[in-house]
Amino acid sequence: LKGDLNMRIEMGESLLYSWLRHIKGCQLVQTNWKKPSLSWEMKNEDTINTLLSSYIDLLRKEYNKRLYKRKVSAPQLLLQSEIDVLGASFDGDTQNLYAIDVNFDEFESSYNDIDKAIIKVAQKILTTVMFLYGHFDKKTGDIIFVSPRIDESVISPLDKFISDIQNLLYKFDLTYNIRIIANEDFYDKIMQPVIDASKSANDSKDLFMRSIQIYSLFSNHKKSHTENNLDSTSNPKAKDFNNINGYNEMKIGLLVRSTLTRMLANHEISKEEIELMQTAAYSKKTFHLLHPLLRKTSLSNGEKVMRYWSTEVEAYGEKYFICSEWYETPSNNDRPYFMKWLALRQ
């Protein structure tokens, strides 16, 4: 039983590793991240010590819960704690950290009892905040609790508790985005986007992604198994582009690249539209792009083409490069154009 539980935990961490790498675009991801020793300097130590006391007081006064059985210190807590999956993304001067707690045992989830859930979540938030602020000197980031199944009776009170904790953190000028992803959201925001991304991923060290690719390789020869098939092209839920929760988790470049690669390979785009996608006028009007969406690789004479991803995609026997110039800023937002195009292809 212990081995089976460890396997589920490792599979859950592997899935979230894939999610951070391929959906959130993190350049750095590590599972089971721990502080290596006491020799690591703690930044913002005075603030963290004050926060620790305020945090424990909040749990005692507002929730009548004792967070720890004995008196604790910040360094002691951090040496005993870890982050299940830690990711960092870098986009110019913008950096974002993702700290994820994974609970992958859907039948014996420690989140399913509200009293246990509050203690567990409170402890994880506290140590994660101290990690991010004390050792990364970051006041912002995403702290996420992930489980495939949490009893619905727990979700609402747990959301309220997280809101109370977040309000306390705001008083210390800490603006972490703390949230739960479970149940339908787990499938829509994590599982299905990772399955979609596996069509174009090439990462031999990504165990979860490789397992999906191997499964799909054989399942394609057994269409009788389609009701259990992880192939997103046969899953009707993958066609529901009005349900964009999972797509909203993806940066626009990753979304375009993974989606178009799959659709082109599976001939879900007509030859006529592929011709139009090679024109500047259609690409500007439909996708808000300054360059043609597609370019035949044969035009490049084997050289790298600026403003296009270097990986080739094939459709109807012809190979293409996909434009890489996608943005989602207030002054230049391409996402609504691409999502509208997707929605029209249900």
C-alpha atoms as a PDB file:
ATOM      1  CA  LEU A   1       0.000   0.000   0.000  1.00  0.00           C
ATOM      2  CA  LYS A   2       2.842   2.360   0.810  1.00  0.00           C
ATOM      3  CA  GLY A   3       4.445   1.683  -2.562  1.00  0.00           C
ATOM      4  CA  ASP A   4       1.133   2.286  -4.334  1.00  0.00           C
ATOM      5  CA  LEU A   5       0.667   5.602  -2.513  1.00  0.00           C
ATOM      6  CA  ASN A   6       4.224   6.683  -3.375  1.00  0.00           C
ATOM      7  CA  MET A   7       3.564   5.838  -7.020  1.00  0.00           C
ATOM      8  CA  ARG A   8       0.403   7.994  -7.038  1.00  0.00           C
ATOM      9  CA  ILE A   9       2.291  10.873  -5.423  1.00  0.00           C
ATOM     10  CA  GLU A  10       5.104  10.606  -7.974  1.00  0.00           C
ATOM     11  CA  MET A  11       2.599  10.456 -10.836  1.00  0.00           C
ATOM     12  CA  GLY A  12       0.825  13.535  -9.491  1.00  0.00           C
ATOM     13  CA  GLU A  13       4.089  15.445  -9.203  1.00  0.00           C
ATOM     14  CA  SER A  14       5.077  14.313 -12.695  1.00  0.00           C
ATOM     15  CA  LEU A  15       1.770  15.605 -14.098  1.00  0.00           C
ATOM     16  CA  LEU A  16       2.261  18.986 -12.444  1.00  0.00           C
ATOM     17  CA  TYR A  17       5.872  19.052 -13.655  1.00  0.00           C
ATOM     18  CA  SER A  18       4.486  18.635 -17.204  1.00  0.00           C
ATOM     19  CA  TRP A  19       1.846  21.312 -16.566  1.00  0.00           C
ATOM     20  CA  LEU A  20       4.389  23.876 -15.430  1.00  0.00           C
ATOM     21  CA  ARG A  21       6.799  23.087 -18.264  1.00  0.00           C
ATOM     22  CA  HIS A  22       4.376  22.868 -21.167  1.00  0.00           C
ATOM     23  CA  ILE A  23       1.312  24.858 -20.111  1.00  0.00           C
ATOM     24  CA  LYS A  24       2.699  27.606 -17.877  1.00  0.00           C
ATOM     25  CA  GLY A  25       5.955  27.868 -19.837  1.00  0.00           C
ATOM     26  CA  CYS A  26       8.305  27.517 -16.856  1.00  0.00           C
ATOM     27  CA  GLN A  27      11.950  27.283 -17.861  1.00  0.00           C
ATOM     28  CA  LEU A  28      12.867  25.831 -14.460  1.00  0.00           C
ATOM     29  CA  VAL A  29      10.848  23.154 -12.650  1.00  0.00           C
ATOM     30  CA  GLN A  30      11.802  20.948  -9.699  1.00  0.00           C
ATOM     31  CA  THR A  31       9.821  18.391  -7.746  1.00  0.00           C
ATOM     32  CA  ASN A  32      10.252  17.942  -3.968  1.00  0.00           C
ATOM     33  CA  TRP A  33      12.082  21.245  -3.564  1.00  0.00           C
ATOM     34  CA  LYS A  34      13.666  21.694  -0.130  1.00  0.00           C
ATOM     35  CA  LYS A  35      15.884  24.223   1.542  1.00  0.00           C
ATOM     36  CA  PRO A  36      19.309  22.509   1.609  1.00  0.00           C
ATOM     37  CA  SER A  37      20.588  23.685   4.996  1.00  0.00           C
ATOM     38  CA  LEU A  38      20.475  26.292   7.736  1.00  0.00           C
ATOM     39  CA  SER A  39      23.348  28.070   6.004  1.00  0.00           C
ATOM     40  CA  TRP A  40      20.926  29.609   3.534  1.00  0.00           C
ATOM     41  CA  GLU A  41      20.360  33.244   4.490  1.00  0.00           C
ATOM     42  CA  MET A  42      16.770  34.200   5.271  1.00  0.00           C
ATOM     43  CA  LYS A  43      15.754  37.558   3.875  1.00  0.00           C
ATOM     44  CA  ASN A  44      13.022  39.733   5.409  1.00  0.00           C
ATOM     45  CA  GLU A  45      13.425  37.834   8.675  1.00  0.00           C
ATOM     46  CA  ASP A  46      11.752  40.410  10.942  1.00  0.00           C
ATOM     47  CA  THR A  47       8.660  40.567   8.749  1.00  0.00           C
ATOM     48  CA  ILE A  48       8.484  36.785   8.538  1.00  0.00           C
ATOM     49  CA  ASN A  49       8.675  36.384  12.320  1.00  0.00           C
ATOM     50  CA  THR A  50       5.867  38.919  12.779  1.00  0.00           C
ATOM     51  CA  LEU A  51       3.834  37.165  10.089  1.00  0.00           C
ATOM     52  CA  LEU A  52       4.346  33.800  11.791  1.00  0.00           C
ATOM     53  CA  SER A  53       2.915  35.110  15.064  1.00  0.00           C
ATOM     54  CA  SER A  54      -0.028  36.852  13.359  1.00  0.00           C
ATOM     55  CA  TYR A  55      -0.764  33.769  11.315  1.00  0.00           C
ATOM     56  CA  ILE A  56      -0.874  31.454  14.328  1.00  0.00           C
ATOM     57  CA  ASP A  57      -3.069  33.966  16.183  1.00  0.00           C
ATOM     58  CA  LEU A  58      -5.539  34.122  13.284  1.00  0.00           C
ATOM     59  CA  LEU A  59      -5.960  30.351  13.294  1.00  0.00           C
ATOM     60  CA  ARG A  60      -6.474  30.298  17.063  1.00  0.00           C
ATOM     61  CA  LYS A  61      -8.864  33.254  17.350  1.00  0.00           C
ATOM     62  CA  GLU A  62     -10.932  32.912  14.166  1.00  0.00           C
ATOM     63  CA  TYR A  63     -10.903  29.156  13.644  1.00  0.00           C
ATOM     64  CA  ASN A  64     -10.184  27.797  17.118  1.00  0.00           C
ATOM     65  CA  LYS A  65      -7.327  25.708  15.758  1.00  0.00           C
ATOM     66  CA  ARG A  66      -3.853  25.154  17.048  1.00  0.00           C
ATOM     67  CA  LEU A  67      -1.563  25.205  14.032  1.00  0.00           C
ATOM     68  CA  TYR A  68       1.373  23.457  15.734  1.00  0.00           C
ATOM     69  CA  LYS A  69       1.566  21.329  18.880  1.00  0.00           C
ATOM     70  CA  ARG A  70       4.637  23.113  20.167  1.00  0.00           C
ATOM     71  CA  LYS A  71       6.379  26.446  19.723  1.00  0.00           C
ATOM     72  CA  VAL A  72       8.090  26.697  16.340  1.00  0.00           C
ATOM     73  CA  SER A  73      10.526  29.009  14.558  1.00  0.00           C
ATOM     74  CA  ALA A  74      10.646  29.931  10.884  1.00  0.00           C
ATOM     75  CA  PRO A  75      14.042  28.238  10.184  1.00  0.00           C
ATOM     76  CA  GLN A  76      12.871  25.071  11.936  1.00  0.00           C
ATOM     77  CA  LEU A  77       9.656  24.931   9.883  1.00  0.00           C
ATOM     78  CA  LEU A  78      11.468  25.430   6.606  1.00  0.00           C
ATOM     79  CA  LEU A  79      14.003  22.689   7.271  1.00  0.00           C
ATOM     80  CA  GLN A  80      11.144  20.249   7.858  1.00  0.00           C
ATOM     81  CA  SER A  81       9.071  21.328   4.836  1.00  0.00           C
ATOM     82  CA  GLU A  82       9.180  21.061   1.067  1.00  0.00           C
ATOM     83  CA  ILE A  83       7.341  22.274  -2.018  1.00  0.00           C
ATOM     84  CA  ASP A  84       5.958  19.352  -4.050  1.00  0.00           C
ATOM     85  CA  VAL A  85       6.501  21.088  -7.391  1.00  0.00           C
ATOM     86  CA  LEU A  86       8.257  24.446  -7.817  1.00  0.00           C
ATOM     87  CA  GLY A  87       8.427  26.264 -11.143  1.00  0.00           C
ATOM     88  CA  ALA A  88       9.883  29.551 -12.354  1.00  0.00           C
ATOM     89  CA  SER A  89       9.054  31.309 -15.603  1.00  0.00           C
ATOM     90  CA  PHE A  90      11.057  34.181 -17.056  1.00  0.00           C
ATOM     91  CA  ASP A  91       9.756  36.548 -19.726  1.00  0.00           C
ATOM     92  CA  GLY A  92      12.099  39.497 -20.083  1.00  0.00           C
ATOM     93  CA  ASP A  93      12.089  41.353 -16.789  1.00  0.00           C
ATOM     94  CA  THR A  94       8.956  39.509 -15.649  1.00  0.00           C
ATOM     95  CA  GLN A  95       9.418  36.528 -13.359  1.00  0.00           C
ATOM     96  CA  ASN A  96       6.810  34.322 -11.789  1.00  0.00           C
ATOM     97  CA  LEU A  97       7.065  31.513  -9.259  1.00  0.00           C
ATOM     98  CA  TYR A  98       4.618  28.614  -8.975  1.00  0.00           C
ATOM     99  CA  ALA A  99       4.555  26.569  -5.764  1.00  0.00           C
ATOM    100  CA  ILE A 100       2.239  23.556  -5.935  1.00  0.00           C
ATOM    101  CA  ASP A 101       1.013  21.132  -3.294  1.00  0.00           C
ATOM    102  CA  VAL A 102      -0.157  17.877  -4.887  1.00  0.00           C
ATOM    103  CA  ASN A 103      -2.695  15.562  -3.257  1.00  0.00           C
ATOM    104  CA  PHE A 104      -3.250  12.768  -5.757  1.00  0.00           C
ATOM    105  CA  ASP A 105      -5.019  10.193  -3.617  1.00  0.00           C
ATOM    106  CA  GLU A 106      -8.588  11.040  -4.591  1.00  0.00           C
ATOM    107  CA  PHE A 107     -10.123   8.382  -2.329  1.00  0.00           C
ATOM    108  CA  GLU A 108      -8.259   9.249   0.853  1.00  0.00           C
ATOM    109  CA  SER A 109      -7.590  12.929   0.255  1.00  0.00           C
ATOM    110  CA  SER A 110      -6.642  14.789   3.413  1.00  0.00           C
ATOM    111  CA  TYR A 111      -8.638  17.685   1.943  1.00  0.00           C
ATOM    112  CA  ASN A 112     -11.946  15.836   2.343  1.00  0.00           C
ATOM    113  CA  ASP A 113     -12.271  16.586   6.074  1.00  0.00           C
ATOM    114  CA  ILE A 114     -12.640  20.331   6.559  1.00  0.00           C
ATOM    115  CA  ASP A 115     -10.840  20.430   9.918  1.00  0.00           C
ATOM    116  CA  LYS A 116      -7.879  18.462   8.576  1.00  0.00           C
ATOM    117  CA  ALA A 117      -7.972  20.473   5.350  1.00  0.00           C
ATOM    118  CA  ILE A 118      -7.730  23.823   7.135  1.00  0.00           C
ATOM    119  CA  ILE A 119      -4.716  22.691   9.171  1.00  0.00           C
ATOM    120  CA  LYS A 120      -2.967  21.151   6.169  1.00  0.00           C
ATOM    121  CA  VAL A 121      -3.611  24.110   3.864  1.00  0.00           C
ATOM    122  CA  ALA A 122      -2.693  26.642   6.568  1.00  0.00           C
ATOM    123  CA  GLN A 123       0.636  24.917   7.219  1.00  0.00           C
ATOM    124  CA  LYS A 124       1.446  24.622   3.517  1.00  0.00           C
ATOM    125  CA  ILE A 125       0.579  28.257   2.787  1.00  0.00           C
ATOM    126  CA  LEU A 126       2.682  29.466   5.700  1.00  0.00           C
ATOM    127  CA  THR A 127       5.809  27.493   4.835  1.00  0.00           C
ATOM    128  CA  THR A 128       5.454  28.264   1.115  1.00  0.00           C
ATOM    129  CA  VAL A 129       5.141  31.991   1.793  1.00  0.00           C
ATOM    130  CA  MET A 130       8.220  31.852   4.013  1.00  0.00           C
ATOM    131  CA  PHE A 131      10.114  30.005   1.264  1.00  0.00           C
ATOM    132  CA  LEU A 132       9.115  32.475  -1.449  1.00  0.00           C
ATOM    133  CA  TYR A 133       9.590  35.630   0.623  1.00  0.00           C
ATOM    134  CA  GLY A 134      12.424  34.467   2.847  1.00  0.00           C
ATOM    135  CA  HIS A 135      14.653  32.735   0.298  1.00  0.00           C
ATOM    136  CA  PHE A 136      13.513  34.049  -3.090  1.00  0.00           C
ATOM    137  CA  ASP A 137      12.670  37.572  -1.854  1.00  0.00           C
ATOM    138  CA  LYS A 138       9.446  37.462  -3.894  1.00  0.00           C
ATOM    139  CA  LYS A 139       6.225  39.121  -2.729  1.00  0.00           C
ATOM    140  CA  THR A 140       4.190  37.670  -5.590  1.00  0.00           C
ATOM    141  CA  GLY A 141       3.668  34.220  -7.064  1.00  0.00           C
ATOM    142  CA  ASP A 142       1.126  31.432  -7.409  1.00  0.00           C
ATOM    143  CA  ILE A 143       0.488  29.046  -4.514  1.00  0.00           C
ATOM    144  CA  ILE A 144      -1.715  26.229  -5.798  1.00  0.00           C
ATOM    145  CA  PHE A 145      -3.351  23.209  -4.157  1.00  0.00           C
ATOM    146  CA  VAL A 146      -4.111  20.446  -6.654  1.00  0.00           C
ATOM    147  CA  SER A 147      -6.231  17.328  -6.207  1.00  0.00           C
ATOM    148  CA  PRO A 148      -8.318  15.333  -8.705  1.00  0.00           C
ATOM    149  CA  ARG A 149     -11.108  14.968  -6.176  1.00  0.00           C
ATOM    150  CA  ILE A 150     -12.148  17.061  -3.171  1.00  0.00           C
ATOM    151  CA  ASP A 151     -15.534  16.684  -1.547  1.00  0.00           C
ATOM    152  CA  GLU A 152     -17.733  19.588  -2.623  1.00  0.00           C
ATOM    153  CA  SER A 153     -18.758  20.244   0.996  1.00  0.00           C
ATOM    154  CA  VAL A 154     -15.147  21.180   1.734  1.00  0.00           C
ATOM    155  CA  ILE A 155     -14.517  23.500  -1.225  1.00  0.00           C
ATOM    156  CA  SER A 156     -16.612  26.483  -0.102  1.00  0.00           C
ATOM    157  CA  PRO A 157     -15.362  26.746   3.521  1.00  0.00           C
ATOM    158  CA  LEU A 158     -11.820  26.115   2.326  1.00  0.00           C
ATOM    159  CA  ASP A 159     -12.127  28.931  -0.227  1.00  0.00           C
ATOM    160  CA  LYS A 160     -13.322  31.272   2.546  1.00  0.00           C
ATOM    161  CA  PHE A 161     -10.416  30.237   4.742  1.00  0.00           C
ATOM    162  CA  ILE A 162      -7.930  30.909   1.927  1.00  0.00           C
ATOM    163  CA  SER A 163      -9.527  34.330   1.407  1.00  0.00           C
ATOM    164  CA  ASP A 164      -9.028  35.151   5.111  1.00  0.00           C
ATOM    165  CA  ILE A 165      -5.371  34.066   4.890  1.00  0.00           C
ATOM    166  CA  GLN A 166      -4.885  36.129   1.750  1.00  0.00           C
ATOM    167  CA  ASN A 167      -6.290  39.211   3.488  1.00  0.00           C
ATOM    168  CA  LEU A 168      -3.797  38.718   6.308  1.00  0.00           C
ATOM    169  CA  LEU A 169      -0.939  38.470   3.809  1.00  0.00           C
ATOM    170  CA  TYR A 170      -2.085  41.692   2.105  1.00  0.00           C
ATOM    171  CA  LYS A 171      -1.415  43.501   5.390  1.00  0.00           C
ATOM    172  CA  PHE A 172       2.218  42.464   4.984  1.00  0.00           C
ATOM    173  CA  ASP A 173       2.229  43.654   1.348  1.00  0.00           C
ATOM    174  CA  LEU A 174       2.353  40.033   0.126  1.00  0.00           C
ATOM    175  CA  THR A 175       0.123  39.498  -2.914  1.00  0.00           C
ATOM    176  CA  TYR A 176       0.350  35.779  -3.622  1.00  0.00           C
ATOM    177  CA  ASN A 177      -2.385  34.250  -5.760  1.00  0.00           C
ATOM    178  CA  ILE A 178      -3.586  31.299  -3.657  1.00  0.00           C
ATOM    179  CA  ARG A 179      -6.076  28.880  -5.187  1.00  0.00           C
ATOM    180  CA  ILE A 180      -7.399  25.334  -5.363  1.00  0.00           C
ATOM    181  CA  ILE A 181      -7.640  23.335  -8.594  1.00  0.00           C
ATOM    182  CA  ALA A 182      -9.794  20.225  -8.121  1.00  0.00           C
ATOM    183  CA  ASN A 183     -12.641  18.151  -9.545  1.00  0.00           C
ATOM    184  CA  GLU A 184     -13.804  19.472 -12.964  1.00  0.00           C
ATOM    185  CA  ASP A 185     -11.211  22.237 -12.835  1.00  0.00           C
ATOM    186  CA  PHE A 186      -8.515  19.592 -12.423  1.00  0.00           C
ATOM    187  CA  TYR A 187      -9.516  18.027 -15.729  1.00  0.00           C
ATOM    188  CA  ASP A 188     -10.207  21.300 -17.589  1.00  0.00           C
ATOM    189  CA  LYS A 189      -7.228  23.326 -16.393  1.00  0.00           C
ATOM    190  CA  ILE A 190      -4.541  20.679 -15.916  1.00  0.00           C
ATOM    191  CA  MET A 191      -5.220  17.233 -17.330  1.00  0.00           C
ATOM    192  CA  GLN A 192      -6.697  18.088 -20.732  1.00  0.00           C
ATOM    193  CA  PRO A 193      -4.210  20.883 -21.574  1.00  0.00           C
ATOM    194  CA  VAL A 194      -1.303  18.539 -20.770  1.00  0.00           C
ATOM    195  CA  ILE A 195      -2.829  15.835 -22.973  1.00  0.00           C
ATOM    196  CA  ASP A 196      -3.196  18.380 -25.785  1.00  0.00           C
ATOM    197  CA  ALA A 197       0.377  19.599 -25.334  1.00  0.00           C
ATOM    198  CA  SER A 198       1.727  16.037 -25.563  1.00  0.00           C
ATOM    199  CA  LYS A 199       1.032  16.128 -29.313  1.00  0.00           C
ATOM    200  CA  SER A 200       3.881  18.539 -29.923  1.00  0.00           C
ATOM    201  CA  ALA A 201       6.138  18.046 -26.887  1.00  0.00           C
ATOM    202  CA  ASN A 202       9.623  16.611 -27.243  1.00  0.00           C
ATOM    203  CA  ASP A 203      10.958  16.130 -23.730  1.00  0.00           C
ATOM    204  CA  SER A 204      12.390  12.670 -23.077  1.00  0.00           C
ATOM    205  CA  LYS A 205      12.818  13.382 -19.349  1.00  0.00           C
ATOM    206  CA  ASP A 206       9.164  14.308 -18.851  1.00  0.00           C
ATOM    207  CA  LEU A 207       7.802  10.967 -17.629  1.00  0.00           C
ATOM    208  CA  PHE A 208       4.109  11.855 -17.574  1.00  0.00           C
ATOM    209  CA  MET A 209       4.231  13.381 -21.045  1.00  0.00           C
ATOM    210  CA  ARG A 210       6.117  10.387 -22.413  1.00  0.00           C
ATOM    211  CA  SER A 211       3.578   7.984 -20.917  1.00  0.00           C
ATOM    212  CA  ILE A 212       0.740   9.811 -22.708  1.00  0.00           C
ATOM    213  CA  GLN A 213       2.661   9.773 -25.985  1.00  0.00           C
ATOM    214  CA  ILE A 214       3.336   6.034 -25.710  1.00  0.00           C
ATOM    215  CA  TYR A 215      -0.309   5.367 -24.877  1.00  0.00           C
ATOM    216  CA  SER A 216      -1.468   7.450 -27.844  1.00  0.00           C
ATOM    217  CA  LEU A 217       0.961   5.666 -30.165  1.00  0.00           C
ATOM    218  CA  PHE A 218      -0.776   2.346 -29.529  1.00  0.00           C
ATOM    219  CA  SER A 219      -4.295   3.619 -28.923  1.00  0.00           C
ATOM    220  CA  ASN A 220      -4.344   5.108 -32.420  1.00  0.00           C
ATOM    221  CA  HIS A 221      -4.375   1.542 -33.726  1.00  0.00           C
ATOM    222  CA  LYS A 222      -7.309   0.561 -31.500  1.00  0.00           C
ATOM    223  CA  LYS A 223     -10.132   2.977 -32.087  1.00  0.00           C
ATOM    224  CA  SER A 224     -12.469   0.614 -30.250  1.00  0.00           C
ATOM    225  CA  HIS A 225     -10.902   1.988 -27.067  1.00  0.00           C
ATOM    226  CA  THR A 226     -11.857   5.556 -27.838  1.00  0.00           C
ATOM    227  CA  GLU A 227     -14.162   6.001 -24.865  1.00  0.00           C
ATOM    228  CA  ASN A 228     -11.140   5.632 -22.594  1.00  0.00           C
ATOM    229  CA  ASN A 229      -8.689   7.104 -25.072  1.00  0.00           C
ATOM    230  CA  LEU A 230      -6.535   9.962 -23.866  1.00  0.00           C
ATOM    231  CA  ASP A 231      -6.206  11.185 -27.452  1.00  0.00           C
ATOM    232  CA  SER A 232      -7.612  14.709 -27.330  1.00  0.00           C
ATOM    233  CA  THR A 233      -8.676  14.551 -30.970  1.00  0.00           C
ATOM    234  CA  SER A 234     -11.271  11.895 -30.083  1.00  0.00           C
ATOM    235  CA  ASN A 235     -12.376  13.481 -26.825  1.00  0.00           C
ATOM    236  CA  PRO A 236     -15.487  15.624 -27.360  1.00  0.00           C
ATOM    237  CA  LYS A 237     -14.552  17.752 -24.326  1.00  0.00           C
ATOM    238  CA  ALA A 238     -11.432  18.875 -26.209  1.00  0.00           C
ATOM    239  CA  LYS A 239     -13.713  20.308 -28.911  1.00  0.00           C
ATOM    240  CA  ASP A 240     -15.632  22.503 -26.473  1.00  0.00           C
ATOM    241  CA  PHE A 241     -13.759  25.734 -27.095  1.00  0.00           C
ATOM    242  CA  ASN A 242     -16.388  27.729 -25.206  1.00  0.00           C
ATOM    243  CA  ASN A 243     -15.059  26.014 -22.083  1.00  0.00           C
ATOM    244  CA  ILE A 244     -11.733  27.834 -22.115  1.00  0.00           C
ATOM    245  CA  ASN A 245     -10.636  27.335 -18.499  1.00  0.00           C
ATOM    246  CA  GLY A 246      -7.795  25.042 -19.510  1.00  0.00           C
ATOM    247  CA  TYR A 247      -6.760  27.279 -22.377  1.00  0.00           C
ATOM    248  CA  ASN A 248      -6.743  30.299 -20.080  1.00  0.00           C
ATOM    249  CA  GLU A 249      -3.992  28.599 -18.071  1.00  0.00           C
ATOM    250  CA  MET A 250      -1.763  28.561 -21.148  1.00  0.00           C
ATOM    251  CA  LYS A 251       0.267  31.486 -22.422  1.00  0.00           C
ATOM    252  CA  ILE A 252      -0.910  32.459 -25.883  1.00  0.00           C
ATOM    253  CA  GLY A 253       2.246  31.252 -27.651  1.00  0.00           C
ATOM    254  CA  LEU A 254       2.062  27.810 -26.047  1.00  0.00           C
ATOM    255  CA  LEU A 255      -1.655  27.598 -26.773  1.00  0.00           C
ATOM    256  CA  VAL A 256      -1.250  28.468 -30.452  1.00  0.00           C
ATOM    257  CA  ARG A 257       1.693  26.167 -30.988  1.00  0.00           C
ATOM    258  CA  SER A 258       0.192  23.075 -29.354  1.00  0.00           C
ATOM    259  CA  THR A 259      -3.305  23.577 -30.798  1.00  0.00           C
ATOM    260  CA  LEU A 260      -2.279  24.331 -34.369  1.00  0.00           C
ATOM    261  CA  THR A 261       0.259  21.496 -34.405  1.00  0.00           C
ATOM    262  CA  ARG A 262      -2.480  19.031 -33.474  1.00  0.00           C
ATOM    263  CA  MET A 263      -5.090  20.485 -35.806  1.00  0.00           C
ATOM    264  CA  LEU A 264      -2.765  20.601 -38.804  1.00  0.00           C
ATOM    265  CA  ALA A 265      -1.479  17.069 -38.238  1.00  0.00           C
ATOM    266  CA  ASN A 266      -5.033  15.722 -37.950  1.00  0.00           C
ATOM    267  CA  HIS A 267      -6.299  17.635 -40.989  1.00  0.00           C
ATOM    268  CA  GLU A 268      -8.776  19.596 -38.899  1.00  0.00           C
ATOM    269  CA  ILE A 269      -8.004  22.684 -41.021  1.00  0.00           C
ATOM    270  CA  SER A 270      -8.980  22.639 -44.690  1.00  0.00           C
ATOM    271  CA  LYS A 271      -6.465  22.991 -47.524  1.00  0.00           C
ATOM    272  CA  GLU A 272      -8.230  26.195 -48.544  1.00  0.00           C
ATOM    273  CA  GLU A 273      -7.783  27.805 -45.144  1.00  0.00           C
ATOM    274  CA  ILE A 274      -4.156  26.688 -44.950  1.00  0.00           C
ATOM    275  CA  GLU A 275      -3.618  28.625 -48.184  1.00  0.00           C
ATOM    276  CA  LEU A 276      -5.238  31.687 -46.604  1.00  0.00           C
ATOM    277  CA  MET A 277      -3.102  31.305 -43.473  1.00  0.00           C
ATOM    278  CA  GLN A 278      -0.062  31.890 -45.678  1.00  0.00           C
ATOM    279  CA  THR A 279      -1.269  35.393 -46.559  1.00  0.00           C
ATOM    280  CA  ALA A 280      -0.650  38.558 -44.565  1.00  0.00           C
ATOM    281  CA  ALA A 281      -4.169  39.939 -45.116  1.00  0.00           C
ATOM    282  CA  TYR A 282      -6.021  36.892 -43.755  1.00  0.00           C
ATOM    283  CA  SER A 283      -3.594  36.506 -40.845  1.00  0.00           C
ATOM    284  CA  LYS A 284      -4.000  40.170 -39.900  1.00  0.00           C
ATOM    285  CA  LYS A 285      -7.800  40.130 -40.106  1.00  0.00           C
ATOM    286  CA  THR A 286      -8.341  36.744 -38.423  1.00  0.00           C
ATOM    287  CA  PHE A 287      -5.478  36.486 -35.921  1.00  0.00           C
ATOM    288  CA  HIS A 288      -4.325  40.097 -35.453  1.00  0.00           C
ATOM    289  CA  LEU A 289      -0.844  39.121 -36.702  1.00  0.00           C
ATOM    290  CA  LEU A 290       1.644  41.289 -38.575  1.00  0.00           C
ATOM    291  CA  HIS A 291       2.996  38.282 -40.494  1.00  0.00           C
ATOM    292  CA  PRO A 292       1.406  35.286 -42.253  1.00  0.00           C
ATOM    293  CA  LEU A 293       0.421  32.612 -39.746  1.00  0.00           C
ATOM    294  CA  LEU A 294       1.992  29.805 -41.795  1.00  0.00           C
ATOM    295  CA  ARG A 295       5.046  29.687 -44.034  1.00  0.00           C
ATOM    296  CA  LYS A 296       6.139  26.732 -46.160  1.00  0.00           C
ATOM    297  CA  THR A 297       9.447  25.344 -44.937  1.00  0.00           C
ATOM    298  CA  SER A 298      10.534  24.815 -48.543  1.00  0.00           C
ATOM    299  CA  LEU A 299      10.838  28.609 -48.915  1.00  0.00           C
ATOM    300  CA  SER A 300      13.560  28.859 -46.258  1.00  0.00           C
ATOM    301  CA  ASN A 301      16.224  26.690 -47.956  1.00  0.00           C
ATOM    302  CA  GLY A 302      16.912  25.009 -44.610  1.00  0.00           C
ATOM    303  CA  GLU A 303      17.691  28.291 -42.810  1.00  0.00           C
ATOM    304  CA  LYS A 304      16.032  29.546 -39.631  1.00  0.00           C
ATOM    305  CA  VAL A 305      13.169  31.916 -40.344  1.00  0.00           C
ATOM    306  CA  MET A 306      12.840  34.935 -38.076  1.00  0.00           C
ATOM    307  CA  ARG A 307       9.462  35.340 -36.317  1.00  0.00           C
ATOM    308  CA  TYR A 308       8.589  31.659 -36.829  1.00  0.00           C
ATOM    309  CA  TRP A 309       9.071  28.650 -34.567  1.00  0.00           C
ATOM    310  CA  SER A 310      11.780  26.343 -35.858  1.00  0.00           C
ATOM    311  CA  THR A 311       9.797  23.105 -35.425  1.00  0.00           C
ATOM    312  CA  GLU A 312       8.092  21.987 -38.625  1.00  0.00           C
ATOM    313  CA  VAL A 313       4.445  20.903 -38.728  1.00  0.00           C
ATOM    314  CA  GLU A 314       2.986  18.830 -41.533  1.00  0.00           C
ATOM    315  CA  ALA A 315      -0.441  18.914 -43.182  1.00  0.00           C
ATOM    316  CA  TYR A 316      -1.542  17.187 -46.389  1.00  0.00           C
ATOM    317  CA  GLY A 317       2.031  16.255 -47.263  1.00  0.00           C
ATOM    318  CA  GLU A 318       3.391  19.831 -46.962  1.00  0.00           C
ATOM    319  CA  LYS A 319       5.556  21.162 -44.104  1.00  0.00           C
ATOM    320  CA  TYR A 320       5.098  24.578 -42.500  1.00  0.00           C
ATOM    321  CA  PHE A 321       6.515  26.909 -39.873  1.00  0.00           C
ATOM    322  CA  ILE A 322       4.072  28.628 -37.471  1.00  0.00           C
ATOM    323  CA  CYS A 323       4.398  32.337 -36.694  1.00  0.00           C
ATOM    324  CA  SER A 324       5.785  32.885 -33.187  1.00  0.00           C
ATOM    325  CA  GLU A 325       4.820  36.566 -32.804  1.00  0.00           C
ATOM    326  CA  TRP A 326       1.865  36.300 -30.401  1.00  0.00           C
ATOM    327  CA  TYR A 327       1.148  38.785 -27.615  1.00  0.00           C
ATOM    328  CA  GLU A 328      -1.402  39.333 -24.861  1.00  0.00           C
ATOM    329  CA  THR A 329      -0.750  42.772 -23.428  1.00  0.00           C
ATOM    330  CA  PRO A 330      -3.400  45.474 -22.877  1.00  0.00           C
ATOM    331  CA  SER A 331      -2.194  47.334 -25.978  1.00  0.00           C
ATOM    332  CA  ASN A 332      -1.686  44.254 -28.175  1.00  0.00           C
ATOM    333  CA  ASN A 333      -3.834  41.264 -27.259  1.00  0.00           C
ATOM    334  CA  ASP A 334      -3.992  38.449 -29.819  1.00  0.00           C
ATOM    335  CA  ARG A 335      -5.740  35.939 -27.553  1.00  0.00           C
ATOM    336  CA  PRO A 336      -9.376  36.983 -28.267  1.00  0.00           C
ATOM    337  CA  TYR A 337      -8.758  36.599 -32.014  1.00  0.00           C
ATOM    338  CA  PHE A 338      -7.347  33.103 -31.693  1.00  0.00           C
ATOM    339  CA  MET A 339     -10.063  32.000 -29.260  1.00  0.00           C
ATOM    340  CA  LYS A 340     -12.777  33.281 -31.614  1.00  0.00           C
ATOM    341  CA  TRP A 341     -11.201  31.309 -34.474  1.00  0.00           C
ATOM    342  CA  LEU A 342     -11.137  28.176 -32.306  1.00  0.00           C
ATOM    343  CA  ALA A 343     -14.741  28.601 -31.208  1.00  0.00           C
ATOM    344  CA  LEU A 344     -15.914  28.728 -34.845  1.00  0.00           C
ATOM    345  CA  ARG A 345     -14.340  25.322 -35.460  1.00  0.00           C
ATOM    346  CA  GLN A 346     -16.376  23.279 -33.002  1.00  0.00           C
END
